[in-house]
C-alpha atoms as a PDB file:
ATOM      1  CA  MET A   1      24.477  21.800  -4.811  1.00  0.00           C
ATOM      2  CA  TYR A   2      20.813  20.842  -6.674  1.00  0.00           C
ATOM      3  CA  ARG A   3      18.512  23.993  -6.557  1.00  0.00           C
ATOM      4  CA  SER A   4      15.241  23.138  -8.073  1.00  0.00           C
ATOM      5  CA  HIS A   5      12.822  25.648  -8.642  1.00  0.00           C
ATOM      6  CA  CYS A   6      10.304  23.457  -8.283  1.00  0.00           C
ATOM      7  CA  HIS A   7      10.294  22.040  -4.986  1.00  0.00           C
ATOM      8  CA  PRO A   8      10.872  24.664  -2.881  1.00  0.00           C
ATOM      9  CA  HIS A   9      11.840  22.818  -0.017  1.00  0.00           C
ATOM     10  CA  LEU A  10      14.807  21.119  -1.921  1.00  0.00           C
ATOM     11  CA  ARG A  11      16.886  24.722  -1.749  1.00  0.00           C
ATOM     12  CA  LEU A  12      19.759  25.532  -0.015  1.00  0.00           C
ATOM     13  CA  GLY A  13      20.534  21.967   2.269  1.00  0.00           C
ATOM     14  CA  GLY A  14      16.456  21.163   2.029  1.00  0.00           C
ATOM     15  CA  GLU A  15      17.887  18.104   0.670  1.00  0.00           C
ATOM     16  CA  LEU A  16      18.314  17.443   4.118  1.00  0.00           C
ATOM     17  CA  VAL A  17      14.769  17.672   5.136  1.00  0.00           C
ATOM     18  CA  LEU A  18      13.870  15.391   2.275  1.00  0.00           C
ATOM     19  CA  GLN A  19      15.272  12.612   3.472  1.00  0.00           C
ATOM     20  CA  GLU A  20      14.457  13.030   6.872  1.00  0.00           C
ATOM     21  CA  ARG A  21      11.196  13.814   5.908  1.00  0.00           C
ATOM     22  CA  LEU A  22      11.055  10.394   3.684  1.00  0.00           C
ATOM     23  CA  ARG A  23      12.480   8.178   6.756  1.00  0.00           C
ATOM     24  CA  ASP A  24      10.066   9.788   8.874  1.00  0.00           C
ATOM     25  CA  LEU A  25       7.403   8.151   6.896  1.00  0.00           C
ATOM     26  CA  ALA A  26       9.042   5.004   5.696  1.00  0.00           C
ATOM     27  CA  GLN A  27       9.189   4.546   9.824  1.00  0.00           C
ATOM     28  CA  LEU A  28       5.186   5.360   9.882  1.00  0.00           C
ATOM     29  CA  VAL A  29       4.509   2.891   7.195  1.00  0.00           C
ATOM     30  CA  TYR A  30       7.361  -0.038   7.858  1.00  0.00           C
ATOM     31  CA  PRO A  31       5.172  -1.999  10.663  1.00  0.00           C
ATOM     32  CA  TYR A  32       2.755  -2.968   7.911  1.00  0.00           C
ATOM     33  CA  ARG A  33       4.778  -4.423   5.450  1.00  0.00           C
ATOM     34  CA  ALA A  34       4.634  -7.572   6.460  1.00  0.00           C
ATOM     35  CA  ASP A  35       0.834  -7.530   6.115  1.00  0.00           C
ATOM     36  CA  SER A  36       0.380  -5.990   2.955  1.00  0.00           C
ATOM     37  CA  GLU A  37       2.966  -8.404   1.260  1.00  0.00           C
ATOM     38  CA  SER A  38       0.518 -11.169   3.102  1.00  0.00           C
ATOM     39  CA  VAL A  39      -2.298  -9.490   1.048  1.00  0.00           C
ATOM     40  CA  HIS A  40      -0.113  -9.279  -2.021  1.00  0.00           C
ATOM     41  CA  SER A  41       0.717 -13.311  -1.789  1.00  0.00           C
ATOM     42  CA  GLN A  42      -2.933 -14.407  -0.897  1.00  0.00           C
ATOM     43  CA  PHE A  43      -4.192 -11.661  -4.162  1.00  0.00           C
ATOM     44  CA  ASP A  44      -2.181 -13.840  -5.811  1.00  0.00           C
ATOM     45  CA  LEU A  45      -3.196 -17.087  -5.526  1.00  0.00           C
ATOM     46  CA  SER A  46      -6.150 -16.533  -6.092  1.00  0.00           C
ATOM     47  CA  LEU A  47      -5.988 -15.355  -9.367  1.00  0.00           C
ATOM     48  CA  TRP A  48      -6.175 -17.518 -11.615  1.00  0.00           C
ATOM     49  CA  ASN A  49      -2.472 -18.573 -13.526  1.00  0.00           C
ATOM     50  CA  ARG A  50      -1.541 -16.014 -12.198  1.00  0.00           C
ATOM     51  CA  ARG A  51      -3.022 -13.764 -13.854  1.00  0.00           C
ATOM     52  CA  MET A  52      -6.122 -10.697 -13.372  1.00  0.00           C
ATOM     53  CA  ILE A  53      -9.026 -12.387 -14.797  1.00  0.00           C
ATOM     54  CA  ALA A  54     -10.444  -8.278 -16.023  1.00  0.00           C
ATOM     55  CA  CYS A  55      -9.546  -6.039 -19.080  1.00  0.00           C
ATOM     56  CA  GLY A  56      -8.704  -2.412 -18.259  1.00  0.00           C
ATOM     57  CA  VAL A  57      -8.062  -1.029 -15.754  1.00  0.00           C
ATOM     58  CA  GLU A  58     -11.052   0.968 -14.132  1.00  0.00           C
ATOM     59  CA  ARG A  59     -12.056  -3.377 -14.621  1.00  0.00           C
ATOM     60  CA  GLN A  60      -9.107  -4.793 -12.450  1.00  0.00           C
ATOM     61  CA  LYS A  61      -9.015  -1.608  -9.911  1.00  0.00           C
ATOM     62  CA  LEU A  62     -12.716  -2.286  -9.486  1.00  0.00           C
ATOM     63  CA  LEU A  63     -11.586  -6.847  -9.128  1.00  0.00           C
ATOM     64  CA  LEU A  64      -8.665  -5.012  -6.811  1.00  0.00           C
ATOM     65  CA  LEU A  65     -11.455  -3.535  -4.044  1.00  0.00           C
ATOM     66  CA  GLY A  66     -14.007  -6.079  -3.856  1.00  0.00           C
ATOM     67  CA  PHE A  67     -10.720  -8.136  -3.219  1.00  0.00           C
ATOM     68  CA  ALA A  68      -9.680  -5.957  -0.350  1.00  0.00           C
ATOM     69  CA  LEU A  69     -12.766  -5.285   1.524  1.00  0.00           C
ATOM     70  CA  SER A  70     -13.418  -9.262   1.753  1.00  0.00           C
ATOM     71  CA  GLN A  71     -10.101  -9.759   3.579  1.00  0.00           C
ATOM     72  CA  LYS A  72     -11.093  -6.546   5.745  1.00  0.00           C
ATOM     73  CA  ALA A  73     -14.927  -7.950   6.207  1.00  0.00           C
ATOM     74  CA  THR A  74     -13.632 -11.543   6.829  1.00  0.00           C
ATOM     75  CA  SER A  75     -10.586 -10.089   9.357  1.00  0.00           C
ATOM     76  CA  HIS A  76     -13.807  -7.494  10.619  1.00  0.00           C
ATOM     77  CA  GLN A  77     -15.642 -10.398  11.907  1.00  0.00           C
ATOM     78  CA  LEU A  78     -12.909 -12.762  13.135  1.00  0.00           C
ATOM     79  CA  HIS A  79     -12.125  -9.987  15.491  1.00  0.00           C
ATOM     80  CA  LEU A  80     -15.533  -9.134  16.486  1.00  0.00           C
ATOM     81  CA  SER A  81     -15.742 -13.900  16.958  1.00  0.00           C
ATOM     82  CA  LYS A  82     -13.142 -13.639  19.216  1.00  0.00           C
ATOM     83  CA  ALA A  83     -13.568 -10.835  21.489  1.00  0.00           C
ATOM     84  CA  ALA A  84     -17.210 -12.270  22.088  1.00  0.00           C
END
């Protein structure tokens, strides 16, 4: 049996607890998988030649954040216009 001094939840049968927690987490986020894949596909299509035009990790994060915010704002506006 695997025993870890760093992770007490893995001691003496804790593997089952960890597996149950991971299973619960997977069930929680799985319904959003199609949405996230759609957003990733849209992001890939928006890139020039499928390459990000930002140099450095911080600029890439900023570009991705801007893309996510614009998608969220567009979705929100469409939702409001359908509700009206």
